Amino acid sequence: MRKSGILSKQYLCRRLFQKGLWFFSSSPEVDLKAVTVNVTIQDFVADVVSELLFCNRLQVSNKTVFVLPVDSNTVVHTFYATMGDTRVEAMLWEKEEAQQLCKATSGMENLRYLQDQWDLWGPVFACFLGSLPSDTEVTISLCYVQELPLQPDGAAQFCWPYELFPQVFPWRRYDSTDQISSEEIPKNLDFIVCLKSAHGVSHVDINCSYTPLQYTAPDQTSAEVSLKSSPWLHSDLNLLVYYRGSHSLSSVVERRDPKAPPGSLLGDPVVMVTLRPYIPEVVPSPGQLGEFLFLMDRSFFHDAQNTLLFLLKSLPLGCYFNIYSFGATFKAFYPQSVVYSQESMDNAVRRISSIRPGLGGCDLLGLLRSIYSTPLLHGHPRQLFIFIQGKISNEEEAVMAEVSHYRDQHRCFCFSTCDSFNLSQAMALETKGECVCIHSSMNMTSEVMKCLQQALQPLATRISLHWDLPPGLEVSVIKKAPEMIFQGHQSFIYAQIHGQAQDPEMGEGAMTLQYHVGSQSFDYTLRFSLSPSADDRLPVHRLAMMHLLWKLFWEGTSRAEDIWQSTVKSSLSLGVLSPFTSHVAVRMEQRNAGHCDSLPQNSSILFSPCNLVPCQLLWLRGSQPVWFKSTKFWMLQKFQFCLETFGHRAPDTEAPTQLSASCREQKLPPEEQVMEEPPAFNMSWDWPISPLSTRLCDFSRFRAVVALQKANGSWALTSALASALGLSKADVDEQRPNENVQTTVWATVLALVWLHQYKWKVSWSELLEAKACRWLWDQAEVQLDECLEAANRLLGCFVEPTIFRI
């Protein structure tokens, strides 16, 4: 998506992946003349080979830089740029040696300037290409492999940005049903997609004109399709691939590299397993509802205290929870997560008023490390609700490293102002959560409660994968099954198959997936071939190597160990970036490009300082994230861009309060990190409520009713409840249907009916109502019809019996 800050500075933007790719120059007069792309998609793996031809149309030279955002699901293994007889190629070196070469490279200060002064935020690969003369072409060659996301309808999704399509017929619209003659097909667009799947390829859906799907195998396990034009109206290419059947378990087995020694990762077959568990719409069993951790920025507290109360009241019995406040330091309500009960809920509600606003920093990194160091609770998936208003200073990269390390063990729901939206969005995307940008006119409680509803949806837990291989073969898991998989998501497992089968005729293996959804258990078995077709490009091996390298890094594997030496050496040859390696770019003559791999790494000819080019993995610290997935925030940016286009000043879209961003990690003793006993809960909070909501109902009464609800979802029949409902205690007692109706049941039906009146005005009461309904259904011999009739008569309303449906 284009961003107003870039266009206003007259940069040329080219974006790749779902998270972006850019080719920048100092002027927008650099045209994309031709594009050649070959994509091979096998199940949920994409192997992309692309060539982009740009031309400088100016009469003067242009300084150019290539910037590529990176993510944890993609391996960019080949990059080089060709300008005439000169070629600039990025190579991987061990980190220590690469750092020595960087010191000898002139122009590295340009990268530091880019890091601190550019208006983009996030991790990128940057390579300066030098000066591009007038009317000169540059060819960018880029190859990468990528794990593809799963769509709700089961399709694998591949994207390509509209900026990387040459514009040939801007005045004419094409769609997939148009008939285009061979003369009209763009000569500068060559985009071919090959599809493979053992389950069979069903069909594709592409948002542009394309050739009919051509099957290249009799059993329809492979097919091919080509694009005829670019998408209409500056849309990204959105390619959806549908496979036959509905499969919770699929695999891609890739043959070994015959040149590599057996026993190494490259020398053994590798299997990539895609887990897409079926998750029925059921209510999870009590005690299997998760661990909910609420992380509150103290500077955000005044705006979020009402939200925190609603969150506490809406949690289900049997779950675990804890509340943390953070600023310059962090504190926890409890030393560790506690079971949600009446006592723990009342205690937490009282403690909320002890949180004091603070403006002295934002130690989110220290808090996350403390949380991640605590063991997971068996059967209780961990989900974090993070409220951030302050900027995290220069610790974003360290925060994202921690979140990425534990991304298979938890999910983050983030709520932040514009100052910290970039980091919040990144954390949510990494853990398959959600992020909401909070602005002054937004009702935060409504957005947060929607996320809590999502967090309470059924999910797959206790996931395991069992292997059945012929005698003589063993499996080593590189990336294991996650702790949980959420509805509509998938997860990837990588494993290395080593050994020698005792019976060569046994060419199949089997795997069985087992998992639980609440109290229900599921298992699926898949048989797969151990003799797949060869793929010299080794896309699955590259992805497996990426995960293995990070596994070795987090486990602290020593450089002296054999597995470290062999894996890092193989990653250098395959171009797989890792924490142990770094990029070095070299300028060379085109005729020497084919011989550079055979030169020793200390070659004075190739790696002399005059041939080195600034090239590095950077963390940009600007204000614009390198990707957007929040519709509300994107519309805000788009509105600002429209105003800038017409020469007007955009309205202030920043949060009204600017906070200090400087903070150093501070560790406190455990006894100092637990909050002291606070004063009693203050029912006279001055809660910020949106003006529209204030006109629709009396929020002082509404929050009083909510505050009186018990942890199990019921209400006690008290004078306080009667007053909050606008009734007298005598009237409530008098209108009770009969003496056989318990007072608690009568009070709960009254409060439930009263809350339901405001459901169209206060959308976040749904979870509170659901808790009350569950409690009512658990009571013996409850006369709900009589109670509902009496409640309607007393409150002067008409609520139908469907209110009691859970």
Foldseek 3Di string as FASTA:
>chain_A
DDFQVCVVQAWAAFFWDQLTWGKTKNHNQKAFQFKAWEWEDEQFKIKIKIKTKIWRADQFKIWIKTKYADDLFKFWFWKWKDWPQKIKTKFKDFPVVVVVLLVLAPPLVVVVCQQEPDFAFFWIWMFTPGIAGHGTMMMIIIIMMGGFWAFQVGWTKDWGFLSRFHDDCQPDAFFQPDDDDPVQQDPRYHHKYKYAYPQAWDAKDKQGHKDHWAQPDPVRRMTMIIGRHGHHPRGIIIMITDGPDDDQKGKDKAQADVVDDFPALRRFIKMKMKGADDFDFDQFDAQLQAEEEEEAELQCLQACLLLVLLVLLLDAFNYWYWYWYFALHIFIQDLDTDGNAQVVSQQVLFCSVVRHRDFHAGQPLLVLVVVVVDDGDPSHQYEYEYEDEAAQPPCLVVSLVSLLVQLLRYAYEYEYALRHQQSNCSSRVSNVAYYDHDADQDNVNVVVLVRVVQSRTWWKAPKAKDKFDAPFKDKDWLAGHGRIDGNSTMDMTMITIHTDHPDPVPFKMKMKIWIDTRPDIDIDMDMDGNDDDHDPLCSVSLSSLASNQVVCVVVVPDCPDPSNVSSVVVCSVSSGDHPRMWMWMFMDGNVCVVVPVVDDPVDCVTSPNVGTTNITIHGRDHSHYSHDDDPVVVVLSVVCSVCVVVPHHRDDRGHPDHGDHDHDNDDDPSVVNHDDRHGGNDLPRPHDDNPVLVVVDPVSLVVQLSVQAGSQLWHALDQSNQVSLVHGSVLLVVLDLDPVADRRLLSLLLSLVSVVVCCVSRVSCVSSLQSSLVVQVPDPPHPNVSSNVSSCVSSVHDDDPCSSPD
